[in-house]
PDB file of all heavy atoms in Angstrom:
ATOM      1  N   ALA A   1      -1.937  -8.494  23.776  1.00  0.00           N
ATOM      2  CA  ALA A   1      -3.120  -9.013  24.460  1.00  0.00           C
ATOM      3  C   ALA A   1      -4.127  -9.629  23.482  1.00  0.00           C
ATOM      4  O   ALA A   1      -4.860 -10.611  23.821  1.00  0.00           O
ATOM      5  CB  ALA A   1      -3.789  -7.914  25.261  1.00  0.00           C
ATOM      6  N   ASP A   2      -4.200  -9.131  22.259  1.00  0.00           N
ATOM      7  CA  ASP A   2      -5.138  -9.657  21.270  1.00  0.00           C
ATOM      8  C   ASP A   2      -4.396  -9.713  19.917  1.00  0.00           C
ATOM      9  O   ASP A   2      -4.556  -8.868  19.051  1.00  0.00           O
ATOM     10  CB  ASP A   2      -6.369  -8.732  21.142  1.00  0.00           C
ATOM     11  CG  ASP A   2      -7.486  -9.318  20.349  1.00  0.00           C
ATOM     12  OD1 ASP A   2      -7.314 -10.487  19.880  1.00  0.00           O
ATOM     13  OD2 ASP A   2      -8.507  -8.672  20.156  1.00  0.00           O
ATOM     14  N   PRO A   3      -3.596 -10.766  19.713  1.00  0.00           N
ATOM     15  CA  PRO A   3      -2.708 -10.822  18.539  1.00  0.00           C
ATOM     16  C   PRO A   3      -3.424 -10.785  17.191  1.00  0.00           C
ATOM     17  O   PRO A   3      -2.872 -10.317  16.210  1.00  0.00           O
ATOM     18  CB  PRO A   3      -2.017 -12.163  18.716  1.00  0.00           C
ATOM     19  CG  PRO A   3      -2.098 -12.472  20.165  1.00  0.00           C
ATOM     20  CD  PRO A   3      -3.400 -11.916  20.609  1.00  0.00           C
ATOM     21  N   LYS A   4      -4.699 -11.180  17.159  1.00  0.00           N
ATOM     22  CA  LYS A   4      -5.386 -11.183  15.840  1.00  0.00           C
ATOM     23  C   LYS A   4      -5.579  -9.761  15.341  1.00  0.00           C
ATOM     24  O   LYS A   4      -5.812  -9.576  14.123  1.00  0.00           O
ATOM     25  CB  LYS A   4      -6.720 -11.919  15.943  1.00  0.00           C
ATOM     26  CG  LYS A   4      -7.761 -11.295  16.903  1.00  0.00           C
ATOM     27  CD  LYS A   4      -9.017 -12.093  16.892  1.00  0.00           C
ATOM     28  CE  LYS A   4     -10.048 -11.594  17.889  1.00  0.00           C
ATOM     29  NZ  LYS A   4      -9.627 -11.801  19.292  1.00  0.00           N
ATOM     30  N   THR A   5      -5.507  -8.777  16.187  1.00  0.00           N
ATOM     31  CA  THR A   5      -5.659  -7.397  15.718  1.00  0.00           C
ATOM     32  C   THR A   5      -4.491  -6.985  14.854  1.00  0.00           C
ATOM     33  O   THR A   5      -4.564  -5.987  14.117  1.00  0.00           O
ATOM     34  CB  THR A   5      -5.791  -6.437  16.900  1.00  0.00           C
ATOM     35  OG1 THR A   5      -4.643  -6.507  17.734  1.00  0.00           O
ATOM     36  CG2 THR A   5      -7.059  -6.715  17.738  1.00  0.00           C
ATOM     37  N   ALA A   6      -3.393  -7.722  14.936  1.00  0.00           N
ATOM     38  CA  ALA A   6      -2.241  -7.435  14.061  1.00  0.00           C
ATOM     39  C   ALA A   6      -2.600  -7.615  12.597  1.00  0.00           C
ATOM     40  O   ALA A   6      -2.043  -6.990  11.710  1.00  0.00           O
ATOM     41  CB  ALA A   6      -1.025  -8.325  14.434  1.00  0.00           C
ATOM     42  N   LEU A   7      -3.566  -8.513  12.343  1.00  0.00           N
ATOM     43  CA  LEU A   7      -4.011  -8.713  10.973  1.00  0.00           C
ATOM     44  C   LEU A   7      -4.686  -7.471  10.406  1.00  0.00           C
ATOM     45  O   LEU A   7      -4.597  -7.179   9.203  1.00  0.00           O
ATOM     46  CB  LEU A   7      -5.029  -9.865  10.912  1.00  0.00           C
ATOM     47  CG  LEU A   7      -4.499 -11.237  11.327  1.00  0.00           C
ATOM     48  CD1 LEU A   7      -5.607 -12.281  11.368  1.00  0.00           C
ATOM     49  CD2 LEU A   7      -3.388 -11.711  10.361  1.00  0.00           C
ATOM     50  N   LEU A   8      -5.304  -6.677  11.278  1.00  0.00           N
ATOM     51  CA  LEU A   8      -5.935  -5.426  10.830  1.00  0.00           C
ATOM     52  C   LEU A   8      -4.869  -4.409  10.424  1.00  0.00           C
ATOM     53  O   LEU A   8      -5.048  -3.635   9.483  1.00  0.00           O
ATOM     54  CB  LEU A   8      -6.812  -4.853  11.907  1.00  0.00           C
ATOM     55  CG  LEU A   8      -7.999  -5.775  12.345  1.00  0.00           C
ATOM     56  CD1 LEU A   8      -8.702  -5.225  13.577  1.00  0.00           C
ATOM     57  CD2 LEU A   8      -8.979  -5.892  11.181  1.00  0.00           C
ATOM     58  N   GLY A   9      -3.743  -4.424  11.153  1.00  0.00           N
ATOM     59  CA  GLY A   9      -2.646  -3.568  10.737  1.00  0.00           C
ATOM     60  C   GLY A   9      -2.059  -3.925   9.409  1.00  0.00           C
ATOM     61  O   GLY A   9      -1.648  -3.092   8.608  1.00  0.00           O
ATOM     62  N   ALA A  10      -2.065  -5.246   9.157  1.00  0.00           N
ATOM     63  CA  ALA A  10      -1.541  -5.735   7.855  1.00  0.00           C
ATOM     64  C   ALA A  10      -2.540  -5.378   6.728  1.00  0.00           C
ATOM     65  O   ALA A  10      -2.177  -5.008   5.632  1.00  0.00           O
ATOM     66  CB  ALA A  10      -1.327  -7.242   7.924  1.00  0.00           C
ATOM     67  N   ALA A  11      -3.862  -5.537   7.038  1.00  0.00           N
ATOM     68  CA  ALA A  11      -4.869  -5.284   6.022  1.00  0.00           C
ATOM     69  C   ALA A  11      -4.859  -3.796   5.564  1.00  0.00           C
ATOM     70  O   ALA A  11      -5.128  -3.493   4.416  1.00  0.00           O
ATOM     71  CB  ALA A  11      -6.265  -5.613   6.560  1.00  0.00           C
ATOM     72  N   ALA A  12      -4.532  -2.883   6.484  1.00  0.00           N
ATOM     73  CA  ALA A  12      -4.517  -1.476   6.133  1.00  0.00           C
ATOM     74  C   ALA A  12      -3.411  -1.153   5.118  1.00  0.00           C
ATOM     75  O   ALA A  12      -3.486  -0.129   4.435  1.00  0.00           O
ATOM     76  CB  ALA A  12      -4.303  -0.622   7.381  1.00  0.00           C
ATOM     77  N   GLN A  13      -2.435  -2.051   5.019  1.00  0.00           N
ATOM     78  CA  GLN A  13      -1.347  -1.802   4.064  1.00  0.00           C
ATOM     79  C   GLN A  13      -1.841  -1.917   2.624  1.00  0.00           C
ATOM     80  O   GLN A  13      -1.073  -1.615   1.684  1.00  0.00           O
ATOM     81  CB  GLN A  13      -0.172  -2.733   4.302  1.00  0.00           C
ATOM     82  CG  GLN A  13       0.352  -2.722   5.722  1.00  0.00           C
ATOM     83  CD  GLN A  13       0.622  -1.315   6.239  1.00  0.00           C
ATOM     84  OE1 GLN A  13       1.263  -0.497   5.557  1.00  0.00           O
ATOM     85  NE2 GLN A  13       0.140  -1.010   7.449  1.00  0.00           N
ATOM     86  N   ILE A  14      -3.053  -2.371   2.418  1.00  0.00           N
ATOM     87  CA  ILE A  14      -3.602  -2.428   1.052  1.00  0.00           C
ATOM     88  C   ILE A  14      -3.617  -1.055   0.400  1.00  0.00           C
ATOM     89  O   ILE A  14      -3.523  -0.908  -0.788  1.00  0.00           O
ATOM     90  CB  ILE A  14      -5.002  -3.077   1.034  1.00  0.00           C
ATOM     91  CG1 ILE A  14      -5.417  -3.414  -0.399  1.00  0.00           C
ATOM     92  CG2 ILE A  14      -6.030  -2.164   1.707  1.00  0.00           C
ATOM     93  CD1 ILE A  14      -6.732  -4.146  -0.496  1.00  0.00           C
ATOM     94  N   GLY A  15      -3.763  -0.037   1.276  1.00  0.00           N
ATOM     95  CA  GLY A  15      -3.729   1.340   0.774  1.00  0.00           C
ATOM     96  C   GLY A  15      -2.427   1.688   0.094  1.00  0.00           C
ATOM     97  O   GLY A  15      -2.391   2.456  -0.861  1.00  0.00           O
ATOM     98  N   VAL A  16      -1.328   1.097   0.583  1.00  0.00           N
ATOM     99  CA  VAL A  16       0.011   1.329  -0.003  1.00  0.00           C
ATOM    100  C   VAL A  16       0.017   0.870  -1.457  1.00  0.00           C
ATOM    101  O   VAL A  16       0.447   1.542  -2.383  1.00  0.00           O
ATOM    102  CB  VAL A  16       1.087   0.613   0.798  1.00  0.00           C
ATOM    103  CG1 VAL A  16       2.432   0.664   0.057  1.00  0.00           C
ATOM    104  CG2 VAL A  16       1.211   1.169   2.197  1.00  0.00           C
ATOM    105  N   PHE A  17      -0.530  -0.350  -1.674  1.00  0.00           N
ATOM    106  CA  PHE A  17      -0.436  -0.942  -2.981  1.00  0.00           C
ATOM    107  C   PHE A  17      -1.510  -0.407  -3.953  1.00  0.00           C
ATOM    108  O   PHE A  17      -1.267  -0.329  -5.157  1.00  0.00           O
ATOM    109  CB  PHE A  17      -0.516  -2.456  -2.848  1.00  0.00           C
ATOM    110  CG  PHE A  17       0.627  -3.025  -2.067  1.00  0.00           C
ATOM    111  CD1 PHE A  17       0.499  -3.315  -0.730  1.00  0.00           C
ATOM    112  CD2 PHE A  17       1.884  -3.192  -2.646  1.00  0.00           C
ATOM    113  CE1 PHE A  17       1.559  -3.806   0.037  1.00  0.00           C
ATOM    114  CE2 PHE A  17       2.967  -3.672  -1.908  1.00  0.00           C
ATOM    115  CZ  PHE A  17       2.792  -3.990  -0.584  1.00  0.00           C
ATOM    116  N   ILE A  18      -2.674  -0.022  -3.438  1.00  0.00           N
ATOM    117  CA  ILE A  18      -3.679   0.637  -4.276  1.00  0.00           C
ATOM    118  C   ILE A  18      -3.129   1.976  -4.801  1.00  0.00           C
ATOM    119  O   ILE A  18      -3.259   2.302  -5.980  1.00  0.00           O
ATOM    120  CB  ILE A  18      -5.003   0.821  -3.548  1.00  0.00           C
ATOM    121  CG1 ILE A  18      -5.686  -0.530  -3.333  1.00  0.00           C
ATOM    122  CG2 ILE A  18      -5.935   1.784  -4.275  1.00  0.00           C
ATOM    123  CD1 ILE A  18      -6.952  -0.479  -2.534  1.00  0.00           C
ATOM    124  N   ALA A  19      -2.550   2.784  -3.892  1.00  0.00           N
ATOM    125  CA  ALA A  19      -1.993   4.044  -4.316  1.00  0.00           C
ATOM    126  C   ALA A  19      -0.830   3.836  -5.260  1.00  0.00           C
ATOM    127  O   ALA A  19      -0.648   4.603  -6.238  1.00  0.00           O
ATOM    128  CB  ALA A  19      -1.579   4.869  -3.080  1.00  0.00           C
ATOM    129  N   MET A  20      -0.056   2.832  -5.026  1.00  0.00           N
ATOM    130  CA  MET A  20       1.107   2.537  -5.889  1.00  0.00           C
ATOM    131  C   MET A  20       0.634   2.160  -7.301  1.00  0.00           C
ATOM    132  O   MET A  20       1.189   2.692  -8.266  1.00  0.00           O
ATOM    133  CB  MET A  20       1.903   1.401  -5.265  1.00  0.00           C
ATOM    134  CG  MET A  20       3.136   0.963  -6.116  1.00  0.00           C
ATOM    135  SD  MET A  20       4.045  -0.367  -5.296  1.00  0.00           S
ATOM    136  CE  MET A  20       5.181  -0.800  -6.580  1.00  0.00           C
ATOM    137  N   LEU A  21      -0.355   1.307  -7.420  1.00  0.00           N
ATOM    138  CA  LEU A  21      -0.873   0.918  -8.737  1.00  0.00           C
ATOM    139  C   LEU A  21      -1.530   2.103  -9.443  1.00  0.00           C
ATOM    140  O   LEU A  21      -1.386   2.261 -10.664  1.00  0.00           O
ATOM    141  CB  LEU A  21      -1.852  -0.222  -8.578  1.00  0.00           C
ATOM    142  CG  LEU A  21      -1.295  -1.556  -8.080  1.00  0.00           C
ATOM    143  CD1 LEU A  21      -2.396  -2.559  -7.842  1.00  0.00           C
ATOM    144  CD2 LEU A  21      -0.307  -2.116  -9.100  1.00  0.00           C
ATOM    145  N   THR A  22      -2.213   2.952  -8.670  1.00  0.00           N
ATOM    146  CA  THR A  22      -2.805   4.162  -9.291  1.00  0.00           C
ATOM    147  C   THR A  22      -1.728   5.091  -9.789  1.00  0.00           C
ATOM    148  O   THR A  22      -1.857   5.672 -10.896  1.00  0.00           O
ATOM    149  CB  THR A  22      -3.674   4.895  -8.231  1.00  0.00           C
ATOM    150  OG1 THR A  22      -4.636   3.962  -7.676  1.00  0.00           O
ATOM    151  CG2 THR A  22      -4.429   6.052  -8.876  1.00  0.00           C
ATOM    152  N   ALA A  23      -0.633   5.214  -9.045  1.00  0.00           N
ATOM    153  CA  ALA A  23       0.480   6.080  -9.471  1.00  0.00           C
ATOM    154  C   ALA A  23       1.088   5.575 -10.750  1.00  0.00           C
ATOM    155  O   ALA A  23       1.431   6.336 -11.661  1.00  0.00           O
ATOM    156  CB  ALA A  23       1.510   6.192  -8.360  1.00  0.00           C
ATOM    157  N   ILE A  24       1.259   4.251 -10.845  1.00  0.00           N
ATOM    158  CA  ILE A  24       1.810   3.673 -12.062  1.00  0.00           C
ATOM    159  C   ILE A  24       0.906   3.942 -13.258  1.00  0.00           C
ATOM    160  O   ILE A  24       1.382   4.300 -14.350  1.00  0.00           O
ATOM    161  CB  ILE A  24       2.030   2.117 -11.859  1.00  0.00           C
ATOM    162  CG1 ILE A  24       3.106   1.861 -10.816  1.00  0.00           C
ATOM    163  CG2 ILE A  24       2.371   1.473 -13.215  1.00  0.00           C
ATOM    164  CD1 ILE A  24       3.215   0.386 -10.463  1.00  0.00           C
ATOM    165  N   ALA A  25      -0.431   3.847 -13.028  1.00  0.00           N
ATOM    166  CA  ALA A  25      -1.371   4.110 -14.094  1.00  0.00           C
ATOM    167  C   ALA A  25      -1.306   5.578 -14.531  1.00  0.00           C
ATOM    168  O   ALA A  25      -1.616   5.885 -15.726  1.00  0.00           O
ATOM    169  CB  ALA A  25      -2.800   3.771 -13.611  1.00  0.00           C
ATOM    170  N   LEU A  26      -0.893   6.468 -13.651  1.00  0.00           N
ATOM    171  CA  LEU A  26      -0.803   7.892 -13.992  1.00  0.00           C
ATOM    172  C   LEU A  26       0.552   8.230 -14.630  1.00  0.00           C
ATOM    173  O   LEU A  26       0.798   9.406 -14.902  1.00  0.00           O
ATOM    174  CB  LEU A  26      -1.041   8.739 -12.740  1.00  0.00           C
ATOM    175  CG  LEU A  26      -2.463   8.723 -12.176  1.00  0.00           C
ATOM    176  CD1 LEU A  26      -2.522   9.495 -10.863  1.00  0.00           C
ATOM    177  CD2 LEU A  26      -3.441   9.310 -13.190  1.00  0.00           C
ATOM    178  N   GLY A  27       1.418   7.250 -14.755  1.00  0.00           N
ATOM    179  CA  GLY A  27       2.681   7.503 -15.461  1.00  0.00           C
ATOM    180  C   GLY A  27       3.908   7.636 -14.585  1.00  0.00           C
ATOM    181  O   GLY A  27       5.004   7.890 -15.129  1.00  0.00           O
ATOM    182  N   PHE A  28       3.790   7.423 -13.301  1.00  0.00           N
ATOM    183  CA  PHE A  28       4.957   7.448 -12.417  1.00  0.00           C
ATOM    184  C   PHE A  28       5.785   6.196 -12.639  1.00  0.00           C
ATOM    185  O   PHE A  28       5.247   5.148 -12.966  1.00  0.00           O
ATOM    186  CB  PHE A  28       4.545   7.572 -10.948  1.00  0.00           C
ATOM    187  CG  PHE A  28       4.018   8.916 -10.550  1.00  0.00           C
ATOM    188  CD1 PHE A  28       2.684   9.185 -10.594  1.00  0.00           C
ATOM    189  CD2 PHE A  28       4.886   9.918 -10.146  1.00  0.00           C
ATOM    190  CE1 PHE A  28       2.181  10.427 -10.226  1.00  0.00           C
ATOM    191  CE2 PHE A  28       4.401  11.152  -9.770  1.00  0.00           C
ATOM    192  CZ  PHE A  28       3.032  11.436  -9.798  1.00  0.00           C
ATOM    193  N   THR A  29       7.078   6.317 -12.422  1.00  0.00           N
ATOM    194  CA  THR A  29       7.974   5.124 -12.491  1.00  0.00           C
ATOM    195  C   THR A  29       7.698   4.221 -11.267  1.00  0.00           C
ATOM    196  O   THR A  29       7.095   4.674 -10.282  1.00  0.00           O
ATOM    197  CB  THR A  29       9.418   5.552 -12.501  1.00  0.00           C
ATOM    198  OG1 THR A  29       9.783   6.154 -11.240  1.00  0.00           O
ATOM    199  CG2 THR A  29       9.708   6.514 -13.636  1.00  0.00           C
ATOM    200  N   LEU A  30       8.184   3.028 -11.309  1.00  0.00           N
ATOM    201  CA  LEU A  30       7.973   2.085 -10.191  1.00  0.00           C
ATOM    202  C   LEU A  30       8.576   2.622  -8.884  1.00  0.00           C
ATOM    203  O   LEU A  30       7.887   2.577  -7.845  1.00  0.00           O
ATOM    204  CB  LEU A  30       8.570   0.720 -10.536  1.00  0.00           C
ATOM    205  CG  LEU A  30       7.629  -0.236 -11.280  1.00  0.00           C
ATOM    206  CD1 LEU A  30       8.437  -1.500 -11.685  1.00  0.00           C
ATOM    207  CD2 LEU A  30       6.473  -0.627 -10.388  1.00  0.00           C
ATOM    208  N   PRO A  31       9.807   3.114  -8.863  1.00  0.00           N
ATOM    209  CA  PRO A  31      10.354   3.656  -7.617  1.00  0.00           C
ATOM    210  C   PRO A  31       9.532   4.848  -7.110  1.00  0.00           C
ATOM    211  O   PRO A  31       9.293   4.967  -5.883  1.00  0.00           O
ATOM    212  CB  PRO A  31      11.772   4.094  -7.986  1.00  0.00           C
ATOM    213  CG  PRO A  31      12.108   3.214  -9.138  1.00  0.00           C
ATOM    214  CD  PRO A  31      10.831   3.086  -9.916  1.00  0.00           C
ATOM    215  N   GLU A  32       9.092   5.718  -8.035  1.00  0.00           N
ATOM    216  CA  GLU A  32       8.265   6.876  -7.608  1.00  0.00           C
ATOM    217  C   GLU A  32       6.948   6.385  -7.048  1.00  0.00           C
ATOM    218  O   GLU A  32       6.456   6.891  -6.019  1.00  0.00           O
ATOM    219  CB  GLU A  32       8.034   7.814  -8.786  1.00  0.00           C
ATOM    220  CG  GLU A  32       9.268   8.561  -9.228  1.00  0.00           C
ATOM    221  CD  GLU A  32       9.060   9.292 -10.531  1.00  0.00           C
ATOM    222  OE1 GLU A  32       8.108   8.999 -11.272  1.00  0.00           O
ATOM    223  OE2 GLU A  32       9.865  10.245 -10.821  1.00  0.00           O
ATOM    224  N   ALA A  33       6.326   5.444  -7.739  1.00  0.00           N
ATOM    225  CA  ALA A  33       5.039   4.920  -7.305  1.00  0.00           C
ATOM    226  C   ALA A  33       5.131   4.245  -5.933  1.00  0.00           C
ATOM    227  O   ALA A  33       4.217   4.418  -5.094  1.00  0.00           O
ATOM    228  CB  ALA A  33       4.511   3.893  -8.328  1.00  0.00           C
ATOM    229  N   ALA A  34       6.216   3.517  -5.655  1.00  0.00           N
ATOM    230  CA  ALA A  34       6.361   2.890  -4.354  1.00  0.00           C
ATOM    231  C   ALA A  34       6.504   3.955  -3.297  1.00  0.00           C
ATOM    232  O   ALA A  34       5.946   3.816  -2.172  1.00  0.00           O
ATOM    233  CB  ALA A  34       7.585   1.993  -4.377  1.00  0.00           C
ATOM    234  N   SER A  35       7.225   5.023  -3.570  1.00  0.00           N
ATOM    235  CA  SER A  35       7.431   6.106  -2.622  1.00  0.00           C
ATOM    236  C   SER A  35       6.115   6.838  -2.332  1.00  0.00           C
ATOM    237  O   SER A  35       5.876   7.268  -1.199  1.00  0.00           O
ATOM    238  CB  SER A  35       8.459   7.115  -3.135  1.00  0.00           C
ATOM    239  OG  SER A  35       9.723   6.481  -3.381  1.00  0.00           O
ATOM    240  N   ILE A  36       5.272   6.944  -3.338  1.00  0.00           N
ATOM    241  CA  ILE A  36       3.964   7.552  -3.153  1.00  0.00           C
ATOM    242  C   ILE A  36       3.035   6.603  -2.411  1.00  0.00           C
ATOM    243  O   ILE A  36       2.298   7.042  -1.508  1.00  0.00           O
ATOM    244  CB  ILE A  36       3.359   7.930  -4.528  1.00  0.00           C
ATOM    245  CG1 ILE A  36       4.220   9.002  -5.209  1.00  0.00           C
ATOM    246  CG2 ILE A  36       1.924   8.373  -4.408  1.00  0.00           C
ATOM    247  CD1 ILE A  36       3.890   9.186  -6.667  1.00  0.00           C
TER     248      ILE A  36
END
């Protein structure tokens, strides 16, 4: 009914990549960081 709200679902995925980059900075491997 309101397709533009799908962009908000996409924007929330920034949390995935922020946590991933933080995990890499803490010494996790790339596969581990992606899983976290």
